[in-house]
PDB file of N, CA and C in Angstrom:
ATOM      1  N   UNK A   1       8.408 -70.673  15.780  1.00  0.00           N
ATOM      2  CA  UNK A   1       7.723 -69.203  16.256  1.00  0.00           C
ATOM      3  C   UNK A   1       7.083 -68.840  15.138  1.00  0.00           C
ATOM      4  N   UNK A   2       5.827 -68.201  15.397  1.00  0.00           N
ATOM      5  CA  UNK A   2       4.994 -67.799  14.106  1.00  0.00           C
ATOM      6  C   UNK A   2       5.291 -66.363  14.207  1.00  0.00           C
ATOM      7  N   UNK A   3       4.772 -65.563  13.107  1.00  0.00           N
ATOM      8  CA  UNK A   3       5.035 -64.319  12.695  1.00  0.00           C
ATOM      9  C   UNK A   3       4.290 -63.884  13.826  1.00  0.00           C
ATOM     10  N   UNK A   4       4.085 -62.325  13.677  1.00  0.00           N
ATOM     11  CA  UNK A   4       3.428 -61.352  14.643  1.00  0.00           C
ATOM     12  C   UNK A   4       1.864 -62.054  14.710  1.00  0.00           C
ATOM     13  N   UNK A   5       1.531 -62.593  13.722  1.00  0.00           N
ATOM     14  CA  UNK A   5       0.108 -63.171  13.518  1.00  0.00           C
ATOM     15  C   UNK A   5       0.153 -64.805  13.901  1.00  0.00           C
ATOM     16  N   UNK A   6      -0.734 -64.896  15.356  1.00  0.00           N
ATOM     17  CA  UNK A   6      -0.928 -65.912  15.742  1.00  0.00           C
ATOM     18  C   UNK A   6      -1.530 -67.007  15.075  1.00  0.00           C
ATOM     19  N   UNK A   7      -2.016 -66.512  13.652  1.00  0.00           N
ATOM     20  CA  UNK A   7      -2.930 -67.581  13.234  1.00  0.00           C
ATOM     21  C   UNK A   7      -2.442 -68.136  12.059  1.00  0.00           C
ATOM     22  N   UNK A   8      -0.856 -67.865  11.726  1.00  0.00           N
ATOM     23  CA  UNK A   8       0.020 -68.233  10.551  1.00  0.00           C
ATOM     24  C   UNK A   8      -0.013 -70.068  10.732  1.00  0.00           C
ATOM     25  N   UNK A   9       0.238 -70.496   9.468  1.00  0.00           N
ATOM     26  CA  UNK A   9       0.215 -72.194   9.389  1.00  0.00           C
ATOM     27  C   UNK A   9       1.472 -72.137   8.497  1.00  0.00           C
ATOM     28  N   UNK A  10       1.979 -73.213   8.520  1.00  0.00           N
ATOM     29  CA  UNK A  10       3.117 -73.685   7.348  1.00  0.00           C
ATOM     30  C   UNK A  10       2.906 -73.343   6.195  1.00  0.00           C
ATOM     31  N   UNK A  11       1.703 -73.220   5.829  1.00  0.00           N
ATOM     32  CA  UNK A  11       1.608 -73.027   4.064  1.00  0.00           C
ATOM     33  C   UNK A  11       1.316 -71.795   3.691  1.00  0.00           C
ATOM     34  N   UNK A  12       1.104 -70.675   4.995  1.00  0.00           N
ATOM     35  CA  UNK A  12       0.937 -69.446   4.622  1.00  0.00           C
ATOM     36  C   UNK A  12       2.484 -68.909   5.308  1.00  0.00           C
ATOM     37  N   UNK A  13       3.176 -69.412   5.965  1.00  0.00           N
ATOM     38  CA  UNK A  13       4.439 -68.552   6.476  1.00  0.00           C
ATOM     39  C   UNK A  13       5.233 -68.063   5.821  1.00  0.00           C
ATOM     40  N   UNK A  14       5.604 -67.186   5.752  1.00  0.00           N
ATOM     41  CA  UNK A  14       6.343 -66.406   4.647  1.00  0.00           C
ATOM     42  C   UNK A  14       7.819 -66.429   4.495  1.00  0.00           C
ATOM     43  N   UNK A  15       8.515 -67.677   5.767  1.00  0.00           N
ATOM     44  CA  UNK A  15       9.679 -68.351   5.542  1.00  0.00           C
ATOM     45  C   UNK A  15       9.762 -69.862   4.838  1.00  0.00           C
ATOM     46  N   UNK A  16       8.380 -70.065   4.179  1.00  0.00           N
ATOM     47  CA  UNK A  16       8.353 -71.482   3.769  1.00  0.00           C
ATOM     48  C   UNK A  16       9.195 -71.512   2.436  1.00  0.00           C
ATOM     49  N   UNK A  17       9.093 -70.511   1.885  1.00  0.00           N
ATOM     50  CA  UNK A  17       9.830 -70.655   0.411  1.00  0.00           C
ATOM     51  C   UNK A  17      11.326 -71.070   0.707  1.00  0.00           C
ATOM     52  N   UNK A  18      12.225 -70.550   1.909  1.00  0.00           N
ATOM     53  CA  UNK A  18      13.519 -70.593   2.255  1.00  0.00           C
ATOM     54  C   UNK A  18      13.734 -71.890   3.266  1.00  0.00           C
ATOM     55  N   UNK A  19      12.491 -72.650   3.734  1.00  0.00           N
ATOM     56  CA  UNK A  19      12.731 -73.406   4.553  1.00  0.00           C
ATOM     57  C   UNK A  19      12.941 -75.145   3.844  1.00  0.00           C
ATOM     58  N   UNK A  20      13.150 -75.920   4.927  1.00  0.00           N
ATOM     59  CA  UNK A  20      13.439 -77.200   4.819  1.00  0.00           C
ATOM     60  C   UNK A  20      12.044 -77.731   4.144  1.00  0.00           C
ATOM     61  N   UNK A  21      11.063 -77.146   4.448  1.00  0.00           N
ATOM     62  CA  UNK A  21       9.917 -77.923   4.056  1.00  0.00           C
ATOM     63  C   UNK A  21       9.308 -77.056   2.735  1.00  0.00           C
ATOM     64  N   UNK A  22       9.988 -76.564   2.240  1.00  0.00           N
ATOM     65  CA  UNK A  22       9.541 -75.730   0.893  1.00  0.00           C
ATOM     66  C   UNK A  22       9.256 -76.545  -0.344  1.00  0.00           C
ATOM     67  N   UNK A  23       9.789 -77.754  -0.395  1.00  0.00           N
ATOM     68  CA  UNK A  23       9.571 -78.829  -1.486  1.00  0.00           C
ATOM     69  C   UNK A  23       8.565 -79.652  -0.990  1.00  0.00           C
ATOM     70  N   UNK A  24       7.389 -79.581   0.081  1.00  0.00           N
ATOM     71  CA  UNK A  24       6.660 -80.604   0.688  1.00  0.00           C
ATOM     72  C   UNK A  24       5.170 -80.027   0.038  1.00  0.00           C
ATOM     73  N   UNK A  25       4.412 -80.914  -0.691  1.00  0.00           N
ATOM     74  CA  UNK A  25       3.151 -80.888  -1.354  1.00  0.00           C
ATOM     75  C   UNK A  25       2.243 -79.962  -0.207  1.00  0.00           C
ATOM     76  N   UNK A  26       1.040 -79.574  -0.684  1.00  0.00           N
ATOM     77  CA  UNK A  26      -0.005 -79.072   0.080  1.00  0.00           C
ATOM     78  C   UNK A  26      -0.673 -79.919   1.227  1.00  0.00           C
ATOM     79  N   UNK A  27      -0.913 -81.266   0.537  1.00  0.00           N
ATOM     80  CA  UNK A  27      -1.238 -82.189   1.460  1.00  0.00           C
ATOM     81  C   UNK A  27      -0.219 -82.588   2.634  1.00  0.00           C
ATOM     82  N   UNK A  28       0.907 -82.407   2.458  1.00  0.00           N
ATOM     83  CA  UNK A  28       2.040 -83.008   3.346  1.00  0.00           C
ATOM     84  C   UNK A  28       1.983 -81.637   4.473  1.00  0.00           C
ATOM     85  N   UNK A  29       2.045 -80.542   4.166  1.00  0.00           N
ATOM     86  CA  UNK A  29       1.965 -79.185   4.930  1.00  0.00           C
ATOM     87  C   UNK A  29       0.402 -79.399   5.823  1.00  0.00           C
ATOM     88  N   UNK A  30      -0.647 -79.875   4.981  1.00  0.00           N
ATOM     89  CA  UNK A  30      -1.518 -79.994   5.829  1.00  0.00           C
ATOM     90  C   UNK A  30      -1.350 -80.523   7.349  1.00  0.00           C
ATOM     91  N   UNK A  31      -0.782 -81.741   6.912  1.00  0.00           N
ATOM     92  CA  UNK A  31      -0.561 -82.596   8.074  1.00  0.00           C
ATOM     93  C   UNK A  31       0.249 -82.347   9.237  1.00  0.00           C
ATOM     94  N   UNK A  32       1.418 -81.248   8.769  1.00  0.00           N
ATOM     95  CA  UNK A  32       2.340 -80.795   9.431  1.00  0.00           C
ATOM     96  C   UNK A  32       1.510 -79.529  10.334  1.00  0.00           C
ATOM     97  N   UNK A  33       0.308 -78.896   9.786  1.00  0.00           N
ATOM     98  CA  UNK A  33      -0.202 -77.832  10.468  1.00  0.00           C
ATOM     99  C   UNK A  33      -1.200 -78.510  11.312  1.00  0.00           C
ATOM    100  N   UNK A  34      -1.549 -80.125  11.319  1.00  0.00           N
ATOM    101  CA  UNK A  34      -2.384 -80.548  12.132  1.00  0.00           C
ATOM    102  C   UNK A  34      -1.724 -80.710  13.657  1.00  0.00           C
ATOM    103  N   UNK A  35      -0.503 -81.164  13.512  1.00  0.00           N
ATOM    104  CA  UNK A  35       0.104 -81.498  14.839  1.00  0.00           C
ATOM    105  C   UNK A  35       1.097 -80.329  15.362  1.00  0.00           C
ATOM    106  N   UNK A  36       0.981 -79.055  14.761  1.00  0.00           N
ATOM    107  CA  UNK A  36       2.051 -78.358  15.315  1.00  0.00           C
ATOM    108  C   UNK A  36       1.074 -77.299  16.048  1.00  0.00           C
ATOM    109  N   UNK A  37       2.326 -76.512  16.984  1.00  0.00           N
ATOM    110  CA  UNK A  37       1.786 -75.425  17.758  1.00  0.00           C
ATOM    111  C   UNK A  37       2.603 -74.375  17.243  1.00  0.00           C
ATOM    112  N   UNK A  38       2.202 -73.187  17.656  1.00  0.00           N
ATOM    113  CA  UNK A  38       2.987 -71.930  17.106  1.00  0.00           C
ATOM    114  C   UNK A  38       2.868 -70.998  18.630  1.00  0.00           C
ATOM    115  N   UNK A  39       3.880 -70.090  18.490  1.00  0.00           N
ATOM    116  CA  UNK A  39       3.563 -69.163  19.635  1.00  0.00           C
ATOM    117  C   UNK A  39       4.522 -68.273  19.224  1.00  0.00           C
ATOM    118  N   UNK A  40       4.083 -66.954  19.923  1.00  0.00           N
ATOM    119  CA  UNK A  40       5.019 -65.613  19.633  1.00  0.00           C
ATOM    120  C   UNK A  40       5.775 -65.307  21.026  1.00  0.00           C
ATOM    121  N   UNK A  41       7.156 -65.434  20.772  1.00  0.00           N
ATOM    122  CA  UNK A  41       8.127 -65.591  21.798  1.00  0.00           C
ATOM    123  C   UNK A  41       8.824 -64.035  21.692  1.00  0.00           C
ATOM    124  N   UNK A  42       9.095 -63.611  22.919  1.00  0.00           N
ATOM    125  CA  UNK A  42       9.751 -62.260  22.941  1.00  0.00           C
ATOM    126  C   UNK A  42      11.044 -62.153  23.033  1.00  0.00           C
ATOM    127  N   UNK A  43      11.771 -60.959  22.625  1.00  0.00           N
ATOM    128  CA  UNK A  43      13.170 -60.839  22.810  1.00  0.00           C
ATOM    129  C   UNK A  43      13.670 -61.206  24.326  1.00  0.00           C
ATOM    130  N   UNK A  44      14.677 -62.011  24.391  1.00  0.00           N
ATOM    131  CA  UNK A  44      15.214 -62.502  25.755  1.00  0.00           C
ATOM    132  C   UNK A  44      14.770 -63.490  26.173  1.00  0.00           C
ATOM    133  N   UNK A  45      13.595 -64.494  25.611  1.00  0.00           N
ATOM    134  CA  UNK A  45      13.077 -65.470  26.679  1.00  0.00           C
ATOM    135  C   UNK A  45      13.256 -66.584  25.991  1.00  0.00           C
ATOM    136  N   UNK A  46      13.682 -67.718  26.851  1.00  0.00           N
ATOM    137  CA  UNK A  46      14.234 -69.170  26.347  1.00  0.00           C
ATOM    138  C   UNK A  46      13.251 -70.096  25.855  1.00  0.00           C
ATOM    139  N   UNK A  47      13.532 -70.566  24.500  1.00  0.00           N
ATOM    140  CA  UNK A  47      12.590 -71.542  24.129  1.00  0.00           C
ATOM    141  C   UNK A  47      12.743 -72.766  24.868  1.00  0.00           C
ATOM    142  N   UNK A  48      14.390 -73.042  24.802  1.00  0.00           N
ATOM    143  CA  UNK A  48      14.425 -74.512  25.390  1.00  0.00           C
ATOM    144  C   UNK A  48      15.973 -74.533  26.334  1.00  0.00           C
ATOM    145  N   UNK A  49      16.128 -75.001  26.945  1.00  0.00           N
ATOM    146  CA  UNK A  49      17.497 -75.322  27.765  1.00  0.00           C
ATOM    147  C   UNK A  49      18.272 -76.329  27.623  1.00  0.00           C
ATOM    148  N   UNK A  50      19.460 -76.027  27.131  1.00  0.00           N
ATOM    149  CA  UNK A  50      20.420 -77.240  27.334  1.00  0.00           C
ATOM    150  C   UNK A  50      20.246 -78.228  28.229  1.00  0.00           C
ATOM    151  N   UNK A  51      19.921 -79.569  27.841  1.00  0.00           N
ATOM    152  CA  UNK A  51      19.866 -80.829  28.779  1.00  0.00           C
ATOM    153  C   UNK A  51      18.102 -81.155  29.011  1.00  0.00           C
ATOM    154  N   UNK A  52      17.574 -80.269  28.828  1.00  0.00           N
ATOM    155  CA  UNK A  52      16.134 -80.398  28.856  1.00  0.00           C
ATOM    156  C   UNK A  52      15.543 -81.664  27.725  1.00  0.00           C
ATOM    157  N   UNK A  53      14.703 -82.530  28.164  1.00  0.00           N
ATOM    158  CA  UNK A  53      14.202 -83.336  26.914  1.00  0.00           C
ATOM    159  C   UNK A  53      13.602 -82.836  25.830  1.00  0.00           C
ATOM    160  N   UNK A  54      13.673 -83.205  24.642  1.00  0.00           N
ATOM    161  CA  UNK A  54      13.250 -82.594  23.407  1.00  0.00           C
ATOM    162  C   UNK A  54      11.886 -82.729  23.424  1.00  0.00           C
ATOM    163  N   UNK A  55      11.170 -81.792  23.232  1.00  0.00           N
ATOM    164  CA  UNK A  55       9.750 -81.918  23.342  1.00  0.00           C
ATOM    165  C   UNK A  55       8.969 -81.603  21.546  1.00  0.00           C
ATOM    166  N   UNK A  56      10.199 -81.475  20.642  1.00  0.00           N
ATOM    167  CA  UNK A  56       9.639 -81.585  19.248  1.00  0.00           C
ATOM    168  C   UNK A  56      10.836 -80.427  18.601  1.00  0.00           C
ATOM    169  N   UNK A  57      10.585 -80.063  17.250  1.00  0.00           N
ATOM    170  CA  UNK A  57      11.553 -79.200  16.186  1.00  0.00           C
ATOM    171  C   UNK A  57      10.740 -77.866  16.681  1.00  0.00           C
ATOM    172  N   UNK A  58      11.689 -76.914  16.367  1.00  0.00           N
ATOM    173  CA  UNK A  58      11.357 -75.615  16.375  1.00  0.00           C
ATOM    174  C   UNK A  58      11.991 -75.183  14.609  1.00  0.00           C
ATOM    175  N   UNK A  59      10.691 -74.455  14.150  1.00  0.00           N
ATOM    176  CA  UNK A  59      11.094 -74.054  13.207  1.00  0.00           C
ATOM    177  C   UNK A  59      10.945 -72.256  13.024  1.00  0.00           C
ATOM    178  N   UNK A  60      11.601 -71.401  12.973  1.00  0.00           N
ATOM    179  CA  UNK A  60      11.831 -70.258  13.177  1.00  0.00           C
ATOM    180  C   UNK A  60      11.217 -69.232  11.580  1.00  0.00           C
ATOM    181  N   UNK A  61       9.663 -69.058  12.455  1.00  0.00           N
ATOM    182  CA  UNK A  61       8.972 -68.107  11.111  1.00  0.00           C
ATOM    183  C   UNK A  61       9.556 -66.752  10.953  1.00  0.00           C
ATOM    184  N   UNK A  62       9.864 -66.239  12.038  1.00  0.00           N
ATOM    185  CA  UNK A  62      10.051 -64.738  11.917  1.00  0.00           C
ATOM    186  C   UNK A  62      11.347 -64.783  13.326  1.00  0.00           C
ATOM    187  N   UNK A  63      12.070 -63.421  13.089  1.00  0.00           N
ATOM    188  CA  UNK A  63      13.111 -63.252  14.282  1.00  0.00           C
ATOM    189  C   UNK A  63      14.336 -64.035  14.001  1.00  0.00           C
ATOM    190  N   UNK A  64      15.197 -63.952  15.110  1.00  0.00           N
ATOM    191  CA  UNK A  64      16.403 -64.616  15.553  1.00  0.00           C
ATOM    192  C   UNK A  64      16.748 -65.147  16.620  1.00  0.00           C
ATOM    193  N   UNK A  65      17.385 -66.333  16.953  1.00  0.00           N
ATOM    194  CA  UNK A  65      17.204 -67.027  17.897  1.00  0.00           C
ATOM    195  C   UNK A  65      19.002 -67.460  18.181  1.00  0.00           C
ATOM    196  N   UNK A  66      19.213 -67.347  19.172  1.00  0.00           N
ATOM    197  CA  UNK A  66      20.785 -67.609  19.598  1.00  0.00           C
ATOM    198  C   UNK A  66      20.698 -68.803  19.987  1.00  0.00           C
ATOM    199  N   UNK A  67      21.668 -69.695  19.584  1.00  0.00           N
ATOM    200  CA  UNK A  67      21.975 -70.918  20.769  1.00  0.00           C
ATOM    201  C   UNK A  67      23.216 -71.191  21.032  1.00  0.00           C
ATOM    202  N   UNK A  68      23.082 -71.463  22.544  1.00  0.00           N
ATOM    203  CA  UNK A  68      24.440 -71.341  23.204  1.00  0.00           C
ATOM    204  C   UNK A  68      24.842 -72.623  24.169  1.00  0.00           C
ATOM    205  N   UNK A  69      26.069 -72.859  24.523  1.00  0.00           N
ATOM    206  CA  UNK A  69      26.306 -73.824  25.471  1.00  0.00           C
ATOM    207  C   UNK A  69      26.775 -72.889  26.812  1.00  0.00           C
ATOM    208  N   UNK A  70      26.736 -73.321  27.911  1.00  0.00           N
ATOM    209  CA  UNK A  70      26.969 -72.966  29.175  1.00  0.00           C
ATOM    210  C   UNK A  70      28.373 -73.670  29.432  1.00  0.00           C
ATOM    211  N   UNK A  71      29.482 -72.957  29.572  1.00  0.00           N
ATOM    212  CA  UNK A  71      30.873 -73.732  29.959  1.00  0.00           C
ATOM    213  C   UNK A  71      30.615 -74.108  31.325  1.00  0.00           C
ATOM    214  N   UNK A  72      31.651 -75.052  31.691  1.00  0.00           N
ATOM    215  CA  UNK A  72      31.817 -75.261  33.345  1.00  0.00           C
ATOM    216  C   UNK A  72      32.099 -73.775  33.938  1.00  0.00           C
ATOM    217  N   UNK A  73      32.818 -72.938  33.602  1.00  0.00           N
ATOM    218  CA  UNK A  73      33.181 -71.837  34.217  1.00  0.00           C
ATOM    219  C   UNK A  73      31.930 -70.533  34.461  1.00  0.00           C
ATOM    220  N   UNK A  74      30.553 -71.182  33.536  1.00  0.00           N
ATOM    221  CA  UNK A  74      29.462 -70.204  33.707  1.00  0.00           C
ATOM    222  C   UNK A  74      29.570 -69.215  32.467  1.00  0.00           C
ATOM    223  N   UNK A  75      30.553 -69.224  31.734  1.00  0.00           N
ATOM    224  CA  UNK A  75      30.606 -68.657  30.392  1.00  0.00           C
ATOM    225  C   UNK A  75      29.457 -69.021  29.374  1.00  0.00           C
ATOM    226  N   UNK A  76      29.375 -68.220  28.355  1.00  0.00           N
ATOM    227  CA  UNK A  76      28.526 -68.484  27.188  1.00  0.00           C
ATOM    228  C   UNK A  76      29.061 -68.857  25.834  1.00  0.00           C
ATOM    229  N   UNK A  77      29.184 -70.115  25.192  1.00  0.00           N
ATOM    230  CA  UNK A  77      29.674 -70.262  24.295  1.00  0.00           C
ATOM    231  C   UNK A  77      28.591 -70.310  23.004  1.00  0.00           C
ATOM    232  N   UNK A  78      28.339 -68.878  22.288  1.00  0.00           N
ATOM    233  CA  UNK A  78      27.739 -69.266  21.175  1.00  0.00           C
ATOM    234  C   UNK A  78      27.736 -70.246  19.912  1.00  0.00           C
ATOM    235  N   UNK A  79      27.195 -71.009  19.892  1.00  0.00           N
ATOM    236  CA  UNK A  79      27.172 -72.005  18.661  1.00  0.00           C
ATOM    237  C   UNK A  79      26.741 -71.272  17.328  1.00  0.00           C
ATOM    238  N   UNK A  80      25.682 -70.494  17.205  1.00  0.00           N
ATOM    239  CA  UNK A  80      25.076 -70.208  16.074  1.00  0.00           C
ATOM    240  C   UNK A  80      24.000 -69.110  16.203  1.00  0.00           C
ATOM    241  N   UNK A  81      23.621 -68.488  15.384  1.00  0.00           N
ATOM    242  CA  UNK A  81      22.466 -67.656  15.440  1.00  0.00           C
ATOM    243  C   UNK A  81      21.773 -68.082  14.476  1.00  0.00           C
ATOM    244  N   UNK A  82      20.613 -68.623  14.643  1.00  0.00           N
ATOM    245  CA  UNK A  82      19.688 -69.040  13.646  1.00  0.00           C
ATOM    246  C   UNK A  82      18.262 -68.023  13.451  1.00  0.00           C
ATOM    247  N   UNK A  83      17.979 -67.871  11.979  1.00  0.00           N
ATOM    248  CA  UNK A  83      16.985 -66.689  11.697  1.00  0.00           C
ATOM    249  C   UNK A  83      15.646 -67.382  10.844  1.00  0.00           C
ATOM    250  N   UNK A  84      15.026 -66.791  10.467  1.00  0.00           N
ATOM    251  CA  UNK A  84      13.794 -67.153   9.638  1.00  0.00           C
ATOM    252  C   UNK A  84      13.988 -68.332   8.552  1.00  0.00           C
ATOM    253  N   UNK A  85      13.351 -69.334   8.650  1.00  0.00           N
ATOM    254  CA  UNK A  85      13.312 -70.307   7.959  1.00  0.00           C
ATOM    255  C   UNK A  85      14.232 -71.675   8.611  1.00  0.00           C
ATOM    256  N   UNK A  86      15.044 -71.313   9.645  1.00  0.00           N
ATOM    257  CA  UNK A  86      15.793 -72.209  10.222  1.00  0.00           C
ATOM    258  C   UNK A  86      15.053 -73.249  10.887  1.00  0.00           C
ATOM    259  N   UNK A  87      15.577 -74.319  11.297  1.00  0.00           N
ATOM    260  CA  UNK A  87      15.115 -75.532  12.096  1.00  0.00           C
ATOM    261  C   UNK A  87      15.820 -75.623  13.194  1.00  0.00           C
ATOM    262  N   UNK A  88      15.433 -75.770  14.520  1.00  0.00           N
ATOM    263  CA  UNK A  88      16.038 -76.023  15.723  1.00  0.00           C
ATOM    264  C   UNK A  88      15.723 -76.903  16.603  1.00  0.00           C
ATOM    265  N   UNK A  89      16.680 -77.344  17.402  1.00  0.00           N
ATOM    266  CA  UNK A  89      16.267 -78.684  18.200  1.00  0.00           C
ATOM    267  C   UNK A  89      16.341 -80.048  17.822  1.00  0.00           C
ATOM    268  N   UNK A  90      16.594 -80.078  16.554  1.00  0.00           N
ATOM    269  CA  UNK A  90      16.487 -81.299  15.862  1.00  0.00           C
ATOM    270  C   UNK A  90      17.917 -82.400  16.160  1.00  0.00           C
ATOM    271  N   UNK A  91      18.793 -81.909  16.617  1.00  0.00           N
ATOM    272  CA  UNK A  91      20.069 -82.658  16.966  1.00  0.00           C
ATOM    273  C   UNK A  91      19.627 -83.202  18.364  1.00  0.00           C
ATOM    274  N   UNK A  92      19.084 -82.711  19.215  1.00  0.00           N
ATOM    275  CA  UNK A  92      18.422 -83.413  19.926  1.00  0.00           C
ATOM    276  C   UNK A  92      17.936 -84.846  20.099  1.00  0.00           C
ATOM    277  N   UNK A  93      16.806 -84.660  18.954  1.00  0.00           N
ATOM    278  CA  UNK A  93      16.148 -85.881  18.439  1.00  0.00           C
ATOM    279  C   UNK A  93      17.200 -86.967  18.005  1.00  0.00           C
ATOM    280  N   UNK A  94      18.103 -86.463  17.207  1.00  0.00           N
ATOM    281  CA  UNK A  94      19.384 -87.299  16.745  1.00  0.00           C
ATOM    282  C   UNK A  94      20.225 -88.218  17.563  1.00  0.00           C
ATOM    283  N   UNK A  95      20.060 -87.423  18.719  1.00  0.00           N
ATOM    284  CA  UNK A  95      21.328 -87.904  19.812  1.00  0.00           C
ATOM    285  C   UNK A  95      20.586 -88.599  20.924  1.00  0.00           C
ATOM    286  N   UNK A  96      20.482 -88.290  22.039  1.00  0.00           N
ATOM    287  CA  UNK A  96      19.858 -89.024  23.399  1.00  0.00           C
ATOM    288  C   UNK A  96      18.592 -88.325  23.793  1.00  0.00           C
ATOM    289  N   UNK A  97      18.005 -87.453  22.735  1.00  0.00           N
ATOM    290  CA  UNK A  97      16.496 -86.789  23.192  1.00  0.00           C
ATOM    291  C   UNK A  97      16.555 -85.770  24.140  1.00  0.00           C
ATOM    292  N   UNK A  98      17.862 -85.155  24.149  1.00  0.00           N
ATOM    293  CA  UNK A  98      18.007 -83.757  25.257  1.00  0.00           C
ATOM    294  C   UNK A  98      18.612 -82.663  24.012  1.00  0.00           C
ATOM    295  N   UNK A  99      18.034 -81.552  24.453  1.00  0.00           N
ATOM    296  CA  UNK A  99      18.631 -80.519  23.812  1.00  0.00           C
ATOM    297  C   UNK A  99      20.294 -80.444  23.943  1.00  0.00           C
ATOM    298  N   UNK A 100      20.874 -79.968  22.991  1.00  0.00           N
ATOM    299  CA  UNK A 100      22.151 -79.994  23.222  1.00  0.00           C
ATOM    300  C   UNK A 100      22.642 -78.401  23.519  1.00  0.00           C
ATOM    301  N   UNK A 101      21.842 -77.698  23.628  1.00  0.00           N
ATOM    302  CA  UNK A 101      22.530 -76.083  23.954  1.00  0.00           C
ATOM    303  C   UNK A 101      20.972 -75.400  24.269  1.00  0.00           C
ATOM    304  N   UNK A 102      21.089 -74.257  24.679  1.00  0.00           N
ATOM    305  CA  UNK A 102      19.956 -73.577  25.171  1.00  0.00           C
ATOM    306  C   UNK A 102      19.770 -72.467  23.824  1.00  0.00           C
ATOM    307  N   UNK A 103      18.361 -72.388  23.603  1.00  0.00           N
ATOM    308  CA  UNK A 103      18.098 -71.396  22.207  1.00  0.00           C
ATOM    309  C   UNK A 103      17.285 -70.264  23.367  1.00  0.00           C
ATOM    310  N   UNK A 104      17.773 -68.929  22.791  1.00  0.00           N
ATOM    311  CA  UNK A 104      17.426 -67.761  23.609  1.00  0.00           C
ATOM    312  C   UNK A 104      16.765 -66.807  22.496  1.00  0.00           C
ATOM    313  N   UNK A 105      15.831 -66.280  22.191  1.00  0.00           N
ATOM    314  CA  UNK A 105      15.403 -65.087  21.448  1.00  0.00           C
ATOM    315  C   UNK A 105      16.189 -63.992  21.330  1.00  0.00           C
ATOM    316  N   UNK A 106      16.707 -63.423  20.296  1.00  0.00           N
ATOM    317  CA  UNK A 106      17.665 -62.005  20.169  1.00  0.00           C
ATOM    318  C   UNK A 106      16.579 -61.100  19.882  1.00  0.00           C
ATOM    319  N   UNK A 107      15.489 -61.658  19.102  1.00  0.00           N
ATOM    320  CA  UNK A 107      14.529 -60.917  18.458  1.00  0.00           C
ATOM    321  C   UNK A 107      13.231 -61.093  18.624  1.00  0.00           C
ATOM    322  N   UNK A 108      12.097 -60.645  18.741  1.00  0.00           N
ATOM    323  CA  UNK A 108      10.687 -61.147  18.940  1.00  0.00           C
ATOM    324  C   UNK A 108      10.549 -62.157  17.761  1.00  0.00           C
TER     325      UNK A 108
END
């Protein structure tokens, strides 16, 4: 999710120095920029749902995201709160290709 500036790129992201991508070279960041997409997600919106097919990784440039599972009785179990520079959605890629939790924004 990009900062409020929709033209932000990985190499200009203020979260870069704290992210998993901080050790990448400029050329490597350019490759990521060519295949990435960004969007501003408002508070309370769902980024992805538990059980959906993984469509990519999500790097949080700005704001916070709540990752949760829905229990059989309908209750929500919060797994973690992700913040700036965190990467979410990767566990589904490592597993069966489905997101293991729902990601909902708690800040823009």
